[in-house]
Amino acid sequence: AESHPFAGEIRMGEVDVVICPEELGFAIEIG
């Protein structure tokens, strides 16, 4: 394939998970 890659950035860590329940109408963090 016509590909010559460089690893721009690799990162590992924790990211927050957010949902927006219809009954609340605003976003909440669940973990």
Full PDB file with SEQRES, HELIX, SHEET, SSBOND, CRYST1, ORIGX, SCALE, CONECT and MASTER records, all heavy atoms in Angstrom:
SEQRES   1 A   31  ALA GLU SER HIS PRO PHE ALA GLY GLU ILE ARG MET GLY          
SEQRES   2 A   31  GLU VAL ASP VAL VAL ILE CYS PRO GLU GLU LEU GLY PHE          
SEQRES   3 A   31  ALA ILE GLU ILE GLY                                          
CRYST1    1.000    1.000    1.000  90.00  90.00  90.00 P 1           1          
ORIGX1      1.000000  0.000000  0.000000        0.00000                         
ORIGX2      0.000000  1.000000  0.000000        0.00000                         
ORIGX3      0.000000  0.000000  1.000000        0.00000                         
SCALE1      1.000000  0.000000  0.000000        0.00000                         
SCALE2      0.000000  1.000000  0.000000        0.00000                         
SCALE3      0.000000  0.000000  1.000000        0.00000                         
ATOM      1  N   ALA A   1       0.875  -1.175   0.000  1.00  0.00           N  
ATOM      2  CA  ALA A   1       0.000   0.000   0.000  1.00  0.00           C  
ATOM      3  C   ALA A   1       0.909   1.221   0.000  1.00  0.00           C  
ATOM      4  O   ALA A   1       2.062   1.147   0.414  1.00  0.00           O  
ATOM      5  CB  ALA A   1      -0.915   0.024   1.234  1.00  0.00           C  
ATOM      6  N   GLU A   2       0.377   2.340  -0.455  1.00  0.00           N  
ATOM      7  CA  GLU A   2       1.167   3.577  -0.446  1.00  0.00           C  
ATOM      8  C   GLU A   2       1.092   4.163   0.958  1.00  0.00           C  
ATOM      9  O   GLU A   2       0.331   5.080   1.236  1.00  0.00           O  
ATOM     10  CB  GLU A   2       0.606   4.549  -1.481  1.00  0.00           C  
ATOM     11  CG  GLU A   2       0.794   4.101  -2.913  1.00  0.00           C  
ATOM     12  CD  GLU A   2       2.270   4.037  -3.297  1.00  0.00           C  
ATOM     13  OE1 GLU A   2       3.070   4.819  -2.741  1.00  0.00           O  
ATOM     14  OE2 GLU A   2       2.629   3.197  -4.149  1.00  0.00           O  
ATOM     15  N   SER A   3       1.890   3.587   1.875  1.00  0.00           N  
ATOM     16  CA  SER A   3       1.804   4.009   3.272  1.00  0.00           C  
ATOM     17  C   SER A   3       3.190   4.127   3.878  1.00  0.00           C  
ATOM     18  O   SER A   3       3.984   3.189   3.822  1.00  0.00           O  
ATOM     19  CB  SER A   3       0.968   2.986   4.069  1.00  0.00           C  
ATOM     20  OG  SER A   3       0.942   3.307   5.435  1.00  0.00           O  
ATOM     21  N   HIS A   4       3.486   5.305   4.437  1.00  0.00           N  
ATOM     22  CA  HIS A   4       4.734   5.502   5.172  1.00  0.00           C  
ATOM     23  C   HIS A   4       4.375   6.211   6.473  1.00  0.00           C  
ATOM     24  O   HIS A   4       4.312   7.436   6.537  1.00  0.00           O  
ATOM     25  CB  HIS A   4       5.724   6.332   4.361  1.00  0.00           C  
ATOM     26  CG  HIS A   4       7.074   6.413   5.020  1.00  0.00           C  
ATOM     27  ND1 HIS A   4       7.776   7.581   5.149  1.00  0.00           N  
ATOM     28  CD2 HIS A   4       7.833   5.463   5.622  1.00  0.00           C  
ATOM     29  CE1 HIS A   4       8.912   7.369   5.786  1.00  0.00           C  
ATOM     30  NE2 HIS A   4       8.968   6.081   6.077  1.00  0.00           N  
ATOM     31  N   PRO A   5       4.112   5.435   7.543  1.00  0.00           N  
ATOM     32  CA  PRO A   5       3.542   6.025   8.756  1.00  0.00           C  
ATOM     33  C   PRO A   5       4.582   6.479   9.769  1.00  0.00           C  
ATOM     34  O   PRO A   5       5.729   6.013   9.780  1.00  0.00           O  
ATOM     35  CB  PRO A   5       2.732   4.862   9.325  1.00  0.00           C  
ATOM     36  CG  PRO A   5       3.521   3.650   8.925  1.00  0.00           C  
ATOM     37  CD  PRO A   5       4.136   3.973   7.588  1.00  0.00           C  
ATOM     38  N   PHE A   6       4.155   7.409  10.619  1.00  0.00           N  
ATOM     39  CA  PHE A   6       4.895   7.824  11.806  1.00  0.00           C  
ATOM     40  C   PHE A   6       3.914   7.778  12.979  1.00  0.00           C  
ATOM     41  O   PHE A   6       2.740   8.149  12.822  1.00  0.00           O  
ATOM     42  CB  PHE A   6       5.429   9.244  11.665  1.00  0.00           C  
ATOM     43  CG  PHE A   6       6.393   9.436  10.516  1.00  0.00           C  
ATOM     44  CD1 PHE A   6       5.925   9.787   9.250  1.00  0.00           C  
ATOM     45  CD2 PHE A   6       7.754   9.262  10.701  1.00  0.00           C  
ATOM     46  CE1 PHE A   6       6.801   9.965   8.192  1.00  0.00           C  
ATOM     47  CE2 PHE A   6       8.636   9.437   9.639  1.00  0.00           C  
ATOM     48  CZ  PHE A   6       8.165   9.783   8.391  1.00  0.00           C  
ATOM     49  N   ALA A   7       4.390   7.328  14.126  1.00  0.00           N  
ATOM     50  CA  ALA A   7       3.535   7.308  15.317  1.00  0.00           C  
ATOM     51  C   ALA A   7       3.456   8.722  15.881  1.00  0.00           C  
ATOM     52  O   ALA A   7       4.358   9.182  16.586  1.00  0.00           O  
ATOM     53  CB  ALA A   7       4.102   6.342  16.353  1.00  0.00           C  
ATOM     54  N   GLY A   8       2.385   9.417  15.530  1.00  0.00           N  
ATOM     55  CA  GLY A   8       2.230  10.791  15.994  1.00  0.00           C  
ATOM     56  C   GLY A   8       2.084  10.866  17.499  1.00  0.00           C  
ATOM     57  O   GLY A   8       2.813  11.612  18.174  1.00  0.00           O  
ATOM     58  N   GLU A   9       1.142  10.077  18.032  1.00  0.00           N  
ATOM     59  CA  GLU A   9       0.956  10.051  19.481  1.00  0.00           C  
ATOM     60  C   GLU A   9       0.228   8.777  19.877  1.00  0.00           C  
ATOM     61  O   GLU A   9      -0.726   8.358  19.218  1.00  0.00           O  
ATOM     62  CB  GLU A   9       0.166  11.265  19.969  1.00  0.00           C  
ATOM     63  CG  GLU A   9       0.007  11.307  21.473  1.00  0.00           C  
ATOM     64  CD  GLU A   9      -0.715  12.543  21.971  1.00  0.00           C  
ATOM     65  OE1 GLU A   9      -1.293  13.277  21.145  1.00  0.00           O  
ATOM     66  OE2 GLU A   9      -0.711  12.771  23.189  1.00  0.00           O  
ATOM     67  N   ILE A  10       0.709   8.164  20.948  1.00  0.00           N  
ATOM     68  CA  ILE A  10       0.044   7.017  21.555  1.00  0.00           C  
ATOM     69  C   ILE A  10      -0.151   7.365  23.019  1.00  0.00           C  
ATOM     70  O   ILE A  10       0.812   7.702  23.719  1.00  0.00           O  
ATOM     71  CB  ILE A  10       0.895   5.738  21.425  1.00  0.00           C  
ATOM     72  CG1 ILE A  10       1.163   5.428  19.950  1.00  0.00           C  
ATOM     73  CG2 ILE A  10       0.202   4.559  22.097  1.00  0.00           C  
ATOM     74  CD1 ILE A  10       2.295   4.448  19.731  1.00  0.00           C  
ATOM     75  N   ARG A  11      -1.385   7.319  23.475  1.00  0.00           N  
ATOM     76  CA  ARG A  11      -1.657   7.667  24.865  1.00  0.00           C  
ATOM     77  C   ARG A  11      -2.587   6.642  25.498  1.00  0.00           C  
ATOM     78  O   ARG A  11      -3.462   6.081  24.827  1.00  0.00           O  
ATOM     79  CB  ARG A  11      -2.235   9.076  24.998  1.00  0.00           C  
ATOM     80  CG  ARG A  11      -3.477   9.342  24.178  1.00  0.00           C  
ATOM     81  CD  ARG A  11      -4.146  10.665  24.563  1.00  0.00           C  
ATOM     82  NE  ARG A  11      -3.309  11.827  24.370  1.00  0.00           N  
ATOM     83  CZ  ARG A  11      -3.598  13.046  24.836  1.00  0.00           C  
ATOM     84  NH1 ARG A  11      -4.718  13.231  25.519  1.00  0.00           N  
ATOM     85  NH2 ARG A  11      -2.799  14.062  24.619  1.00  0.00           N  
ATOM     86  N   MET A  12      -2.380   6.384  26.784  1.00  0.00           N  
ATOM     87  CA  MET A  12      -3.217   5.454  27.530  1.00  0.00           C  
ATOM     88  C   MET A  12      -3.562   6.084  28.875  1.00  0.00           C  
ATOM     89  O   MET A  12      -2.695   6.669  29.535  1.00  0.00           O  
ATOM     90  CB  MET A  12      -2.481   4.122  27.735  1.00  0.00           C  
ATOM     91  CG  MET A  12      -3.274   3.057  28.480  1.00  0.00           C  
ATOM     92  SD  MET A  12      -3.092   3.140  30.286  1.00  0.00           S  
ATOM     93  CE  MET A  12      -1.367   2.648  30.489  1.00  0.00           C  
ATOM     94  N   GLY A  13      -4.810   5.967  29.258  1.00  0.00           N  
ATOM     95  CA  GLY A  13      -5.242   6.518  30.537  1.00  0.00           C  
ATOM     96  C   GLY A  13      -6.732   6.375  30.719  1.00  0.00           C  
ATOM     97  O   GLY A  13      -7.393   5.605  30.007  1.00  0.00           O  
ATOM     98  N   GLU A  14      -7.261   7.125  31.666  1.00  0.00           N  
ATOM     99  CA  GLU A  14      -8.683   7.007  32.005  1.00  0.00           C  
ATOM    100  C   GLU A  14      -9.474   8.150  31.381  1.00  0.00           C  
ATOM    101  O   GLU A  14      -9.020   9.302  31.354  1.00  0.00           O  
ATOM    102  CB  GLU A  14      -8.869   7.035  33.534  1.00  0.00           C  
ATOM    103  CG  GLU A  14      -8.570   5.713  34.230  1.00  0.00           C  
ATOM    104  CD  GLU A  14      -7.117   5.262  34.082  1.00  0.00           C  
ATOM    105  OE1 GLU A  14      -6.217   6.088  34.357  1.00  0.00           O  
ATOM    106  OE2 GLU A  14      -6.885   4.108  33.663  1.00  0.00           O  
ATOM    107  N   VAL A  15     -10.653   7.801  30.887  1.00  0.00           N  
ATOM    108  CA  VAL A  15     -11.547   8.770  30.253  1.00  0.00           C  
ATOM    109  C   VAL A  15     -12.929   8.628  30.878  1.00  0.00           C  
ATOM    110  O   VAL A  15     -13.416   7.511  31.107  1.00  0.00           O  
ATOM    111  CB  VAL A  15     -11.643   8.528  28.728  1.00  0.00           C  
ATOM    112  CG1 VAL A  15     -12.618   9.500  28.090  1.00  0.00           C  
ATOM    113  CG2 VAL A  15     -10.271   8.651  28.085  1.00  0.00           C  
ATOM    114  N   ASP A  16     -13.553   9.754  31.170  1.00  0.00           N  
ATOM    115  CA  ASP A  16     -14.893   9.743  31.770  1.00  0.00           C  
ATOM    116  C   ASP A  16     -15.938   9.335  30.741  1.00  0.00           C  
ATOM    117  O   ASP A  16     -15.850   9.685  29.558  1.00  0.00           O  
ATOM    118  CB  ASP A  16     -15.233  11.131  32.329  1.00  0.00           C  
ATOM    119  CG  ASP A  16     -14.339  11.513  33.500  1.00  0.00           C  
ATOM    120  OD1 ASP A  16     -13.895  10.604  34.220  1.00  0.00           O  
ATOM    121  OD2 ASP A  16     -14.083  12.723  33.683  1.00  0.00           O  
ATOM    122  N   VAL A  17     -16.944   8.601  31.219  1.00  0.00           N  
ATOM    123  CA  VAL A  17     -18.069   8.171  30.385  1.00  0.00           C  
ATOM    124  C   VAL A  17     -19.292   8.980  30.797  1.00  0.00           C  
ATOM    125  O   VAL A  17     -19.658   9.013  31.978  1.00  0.00           O  
ATOM    126  CB  VAL A  17     -18.349   6.663  30.548  1.00  0.00           C  
ATOM    127  CG1 VAL A  17     -19.545   6.251  29.705  1.00  0.00           C  
ATOM    128  CG2 VAL A  17     -17.119   5.856  30.172  1.00  0.00           C  
ATOM    129  N   VAL A  18     -19.920   9.625  29.819  1.00  0.00           N  
ATOM    130  CA  VAL A  18     -21.033  10.538  30.094  1.00  0.00           C  
ATOM    131  C   VAL A  18     -22.240  10.117  29.274  1.00  0.00           C  
ATOM    132  O   VAL A  18     -22.113   9.802  28.082  1.00  0.00           O  
ATOM    133  CB  VAL A  18     -20.641  12.000  29.752  1.00  0.00           C  
ATOM    134  CG1 VAL A  18     -21.826  12.937  29.944  1.00  0.00           C  
ATOM    135  CG2 VAL A  18     -19.457  12.442  30.605  1.00  0.00           C  
ATOM    136  N   ILE A  19     -23.411  10.098  29.897  1.00  0.00           N  
ATOM    137  CA  ILE A  19     -24.662   9.848  29.188  1.00  0.00           C  
ATOM    138  C   ILE A  19     -25.637  10.984  29.500  1.00  0.00           C  
ATOM    139  O   ILE A  19     -25.449  11.733  30.463  1.00  0.00           O  
ATOM    140  CB  ILE A  19     -25.302   8.494  29.575  1.00  0.00           C  
ATOM    141  CG1 ILE A  19     -25.709   8.492  31.050  1.00  0.00           C  
ATOM    142  CG2 ILE A  19     -24.375   7.342  29.267  1.00  0.00           C  
ATOM    143  CD1 ILE A  19     -26.535   7.280  31.445  1.00  0.00           C  
ATOM    144  N   CYS A  20     -26.649  11.076  28.668  1.00  0.00           N  
ATOM    145  CA  CYS A  20     -27.677  12.096  28.861  1.00  0.00           C  
ATOM    146  C   CYS A  20     -29.038  11.406  28.857  1.00  0.00           C  
ATOM    147  O   CYS A  20     -29.664  11.269  27.804  1.00  0.00           O  
ATOM    148  CB  CYS A  20     -27.602  13.161  27.779  1.00  0.00           C  
ATOM    149  SG  CYS A  20     -28.759  14.536  28.026  1.00  0.00           S  
ATOM    150  N   PRO A  21     -29.527  10.927  30.015  1.00  0.00           N  
ATOM    151  CA  PRO A  21     -30.826  10.234  30.063  1.00  0.00           C  
ATOM    152  C   PRO A  21     -31.969  11.154  29.654  1.00  0.00           C  
ATOM    153  O   PRO A  21     -31.995  12.340  30.023  1.00  0.00           O  
ATOM    154  CB  PRO A  21     -30.947   9.821  31.535  1.00  0.00           C  
ATOM    155  CG  PRO A  21     -29.555   9.900  32.092  1.00  0.00           C  
ATOM    156  CD  PRO A  21     -28.886  10.989  31.329  1.00  0.00           C  
ATOM    157  N   GLU A  22     -32.904  10.594  28.893  1.00  0.00           N  
ATOM    158  CA  GLU A  22     -34.028  11.405  28.428  1.00  0.00           C  
ATOM    159  C   GLU A  22     -34.849  11.942  29.590  1.00  0.00           C  
ATOM    160  O   GLU A  22     -35.360  13.069  29.538  1.00  0.00           O  
ATOM    161  CB  GLU A  22     -34.923  10.569  27.500  1.00  0.00           C  
ATOM    162  CG  GLU A  22     -34.265  10.194  26.185  1.00  0.00           C  
ATOM    163  CD  GLU A  22     -35.213   9.431  25.284  1.00  0.00           C  
ATOM    164  OE1 GLU A  22     -36.397   9.278  25.669  1.00  0.00           O  
ATOM    165  OE2 GLU A  22     -34.792   8.987  24.202  1.00  0.00           O  
ATOM    166  N   GLU A  23     -34.970  11.132  30.653  1.00  0.00           N  
ATOM    167  CA  GLU A  23     -35.815  11.573  31.765  1.00  0.00           C  
ATOM    168  C   GLU A  23     -35.186  12.711  32.567  1.00  0.00           C  
ATOM    169  O   GLU A  23     -35.889  13.433  33.286  1.00  0.00           O  
ATOM    170  CB  GLU A  23     -36.116  10.397  32.707  1.00  0.00           C  
ATOM    171  CG  GLU A  23     -34.888   9.715  33.297  1.00  0.00           C  
ATOM    172  CD  GLU A  23     -34.365   8.586  32.440  1.00  0.00           C  
ATOM    173  OE1 GLU A  23     -34.611   8.599  31.211  1.00  0.00           O  
ATOM    174  OE2 GLU A  23     -33.723   7.687  32.999  1.00  0.00           O  
ATOM    175  N   LEU A  24     -33.838  12.881  32.451  1.00  0.00           N  
ATOM    176  CA  LEU A  24     -33.174  13.971  33.154  1.00  0.00           C  
ATOM    177  C   LEU A  24     -33.013  15.200  32.272  1.00  0.00           C  
ATOM    178  O   LEU A  24     -33.158  16.325  32.736  1.00  0.00           O  
ATOM    179  CB  LEU A  24     -31.802  13.515  33.658  1.00  0.00           C  
ATOM    180  CG  LEU A  24     -31.776  12.414  34.722  1.00  0.00           C  
ATOM    181  CD1 LEU A  24     -30.350  12.095  35.136  1.00  0.00           C  
ATOM    182  CD2 LEU A  24     -32.589  12.838  35.945  1.00  0.00           C  
ATOM    183  N   GLY A  25     -32.644  14.965  31.020  1.00  0.00           N  
ATOM    184  CA  GLY A  25     -32.464  16.088  30.104  1.00  0.00           C  
ATOM    185  C   GLY A  25     -31.129  16.779  30.219  1.00  0.00           C  
ATOM    186  O   GLY A  25     -30.904  17.817  29.591  1.00  0.00           O  
ATOM    187  N   PHE A  26     -30.216  16.246  31.027  1.00  0.00           N  
ATOM    188  CA  PHE A  26     -28.875  16.810  31.116  1.00  0.00           C  
ATOM    189  C   PHE A  26     -27.888  15.662  31.288  1.00  0.00           C  
ATOM    190  O   PHE A  26     -28.242  14.542  31.666  1.00  0.00           O  
ATOM    191  CB  PHE A  26     -28.751  17.816  32.267  1.00  0.00           C  
ATOM    192  CG  PHE A  26     -29.125  17.257  33.610  1.00  0.00           C  
ATOM    193  CD1 PHE A  26     -28.213  16.584  34.409  1.00  0.00           C  
ATOM    194  CD2 PHE A  26     -30.431  17.417  34.086  1.00  0.00           C  
ATOM    195  CE1 PHE A  26     -28.564  16.070  35.633  1.00  0.00           C  
ATOM    196  CE2 PHE A  26     -30.797  16.902  35.324  1.00  0.00           C  
ATOM    197  CZ  PHE A  26     -29.866  16.227  36.104  1.00  0.00           C  
ATOM    198  N   ALA A  27     -26.618  15.969  30.984  1.00  0.00           N  
ATOM    199  CA  ALA A  27     -25.577  14.935  30.968  1.00  0.00           C  
ATOM    200  C   ALA A  27     -25.097  14.631  32.380  1.00  0.00           C  
ATOM    201  O   ALA A  27     -24.995  15.529  33.225  1.00  0.00           O  
ATOM    202  CB  ALA A  27     -24.410  15.381  30.096  1.00  0.00           C  
ATOM    203  N   ILE A  28     -24.816  13.355  32.627  1.00  0.00           N  
ATOM    204  CA  ILE A  28     -24.255  12.932  33.903  1.00  0.00           C  
ATOM    205  C   ILE A  28     -23.084  11.983  33.654  1.00  0.00           C  
ATOM    206  O   ILE A  28     -23.066  11.247  32.668  1.00  0.00           O  
ATOM    207  CB  ILE A  28     -25.301  12.231  34.800  1.00  0.00           C  
ATOM    208  CG1 ILE A  28     -25.877  10.997  34.102  1.00  0.00           C  
ATOM    209  CG2 ILE A  28     -26.394  13.191  35.213  1.00  0.00           C  
ATOM    210  CD1 ILE A  28     -26.785  10.158  34.980  1.00  0.00           C  
ATOM    211  N   GLU A  29     -22.120  12.019  34.544  1.00  0.00           N  
ATOM    212  CA  GLU A  29     -20.963  11.119  34.448  1.00  0.00           C  
ATOM    213  C   GLU A  29     -21.282   9.831  35.191  1.00  0.00           C  
ATOM    214  O   GLU A  29     -21.720   9.868  36.353  1.00  0.00           O  
ATOM    215  CB  GLU A  29     -19.740  11.805  35.054  1.00  0.00           C  
ATOM    216  CG  GLU A  29     -18.474  10.970  35.009  1.00  0.00           C  
ATOM    217  CD  GLU A  29     -17.317  11.656  35.718  1.00  0.00           C  
ATOM    218  OE1 GLU A  29     -17.154  12.887  35.513  1.00  0.00           O  
ATOM    219  OE2 GLU A  29     -16.614  10.976  36.489  1.00  0.00           O  
ATOM    220  N   ILE A  30     -21.084   8.694  34.541  1.00  0.00           N  
ATOM    221  CA  ILE A  30     -21.430   7.411  35.155  1.00  0.00           C  
ATOM    222  C   ILE A  30     -20.203   6.575  35.512  1.00  0.00           C  
ATOM    223  O   ILE A  30     -20.340   5.469  36.041  1.00  0.00           O  
ATOM    224  CB  ILE A  30     -22.358   6.585  34.236  1.00  0.00           C  
ATOM    225  CG1 ILE A  30     -21.667   6.277  32.904  1.00  0.00           C  
ATOM    226  CG2 ILE A  30     -23.681   7.287  34.031  1.00  0.00           C  
ATOM    227  CD1 ILE A  30     -22.454   5.327  32.009  1.00  0.00           C  
ATOM    228  N   GLY A  31     -19.008   7.070  35.241  1.00  0.00           N  
ATOM    229  CA  GLY A  31     -17.800   6.325  35.563  1.00  0.00           C  
ATOM    230  C   GLY A  31     -16.685   6.668  34.604  1.00  0.00           C  
ATOM    231  O   GLY A  31     -16.776   7.647  33.839  1.00  0.00           O  
TER     232      GLY A  31                                                      
MASTER        0    0    0    0    0    0    0    6  231    1    0    3          
END                                                                             
